[in-house]
Protein backbone atom coordinates (compact mmCIF):
# COMPACT_ATOMS: atom_id res chain seq x y z
CA MET A 1 0.02 0.10 0.06
CA TYR A 2 1.15 2.93 -1.09
CA VAL A 3 1.28 6.67 1.57
CA GLU A 4 -0.96 8.68 -0.06
CA THR A 5 -3.03 5.66 -0.18
CA ALA A 6 -2.97 5.21 3.41
CA THR A 7 -3.30 8.76 3.91
CA ARG A 8 -6.55 8.92 2.16
CA GLU A 9 -7.83 5.63 4.01
CA ILE A 10 -7.27 7.39 7.15
CA ARG A 11 -8.94 10.77 6.40
CA SER A 12 -11.76 9.03 4.95
CA SER A 13 -12.42 6.99 8.35
CA ALA A 14 -11.40 9.35 11.01
CA SER A 15 -14.45 11.06 12.24
CA PRO A 16 -14.46 14.47 12.89
CA ILE A 17 -13.50 16.25 16.45
CA ASP A 18 -16.45 16.90 18.58
CA ALA A 19 -15.86 20.39 20.64
CA ALA A 20 -18.37 18.98 23.13
CA ALA A 21 -16.32 15.79 23.87
CA PRO A 22 -14.11 15.98 27.03
CA SER A 23 -10.77 16.47 26.96
CA LEU A 24 -8.21 13.67 27.73
CA LYS A 25 -7.49 15.82 30.50
CA THR A 26 -10.82 15.55 31.72
CA LEU A 27 -11.14 12.12 30.87
CA MET A 28 -7.62 10.88 32.91
CA ALA A 29 -8.67 12.88 36.04
CA ASP A 30 -12.14 11.11 36.40
CA TYR A 31 -10.49 8.07 36.19
CA GLU A 32 -7.46 8.35 38.46
CA ARG A 33 -10.08 10.14 40.79
CA ARG A 34 -11.88 6.47 40.04
CA LEU A 35 -9.27 4.58 40.79
CA ILE A 36 -8.33 6.48 44.10
CA LEU A 37 -12.04 6.60 45.39
CA GLU A 38 -12.19 2.68 45.19
CA ALA A 39 -9.01 2.09 46.17
CA LEU A 40 -9.77 4.32 49.25
CA ASN A 41 -12.49 2.81 49.87
CA ALA A 42 -11.27 -0.80 49.76
CA SER A 43 -9.14 0.33 52.25
CA GLY A 44 -11.50 1.44 54.68
CA TRP A 45 -9.60 4.94 53.98
CA HIS A 46 -6.70 3.96 55.25
CA GLN A 47 -4.34 5.92 52.76
CA ARG A 48 -1.13 3.93 53.28
CA ARG A 49 -3.01 0.91 52.24
CA ALA A 50 -4.36 2.72 49.10
CA ALA A 51 -1.40 3.64 48.31
CA ALA A 52 0.01 0.24 48.84
CA HIS A 53 -2.77 -1.02 46.69
CA LEU A 54 -2.29 1.98 43.94
CA ARG A 55 1.34 0.63 44.20
CA VAL A 56 2.54 4.64 44.52
CA LEU A 57 3.97 6.66 47.50
CA PRO A 58 1.39 7.69 50.01
CA THR A 59 2.86 10.85 49.64
CA THR A 60 1.93 11.13 46.10
CA LEU A 61 -2.00 9.95 47.12
CA LEU A 62 -2.04 12.52 49.30
CA GLU A 63 -1.61 14.88 46.75
CA LYS A 64 -3.54 13.42 44.00
CA MET A 65 -6.36 13.42 46.50
CA LYS A 66 -5.77 17.24 46.97
CA ARG A 67 -5.32 17.80 43.52
CA LEU A 68 -8.64 16.17 42.53
CA GLY A 69 -10.87 17.49 45.32
CA ILE A 70 -11.12 13.92 46.97
CA ARG A 71 -11.98 14.53 51.08
CA ARG A 72 -13.59 11.73 53.41
CA ALA A 73 -16.88 13.21 54.70
CA ARG A 74 -16.70 13.44 58.49
CA ALA A 75 -20.06 11.60 59.88
CA VAL A 76 -22.36 13.80 61.17
CA GLU A 77 -24.02 12.64 63.99
CA VAL A 78 -27.79 13.09 64.24
CA LEU A 79 -29.60 13.85 67.52
CA PRO A 80 -33.12 12.48 67.83
CA SER A 81 -35.38 15.46 67.97
CA SER A 82 -37.44 13.83 70.64
CA PRO A 83 -35.90 11.65 73.83
CA LEU A 84 -36.79 7.84 72.80
CA PRO A 85 -39.76 6.55 74.86
CA ARG A 86 -38.61 4.52 78.24
CA SER A 87 -40.00 0.69 78.38
């Protein structure tokens, strides 16, 4: 196959770039966020274990978590509005 033929085939089969499609940077950040959250949930949010599972240093995991805005929500204790009935 000649170069001209291959180039023509590639151009005809390539779809136009959709301006509304997310960028590679966005897709990579979403994928990285998903992997980190899965590792954190699997380790019970123990960062050293999650880092070991991801095969990165704990400091690297912390930097990535900060960059991606990943924080563990603190549990809020809900107090009952009325006292419980006594038996």
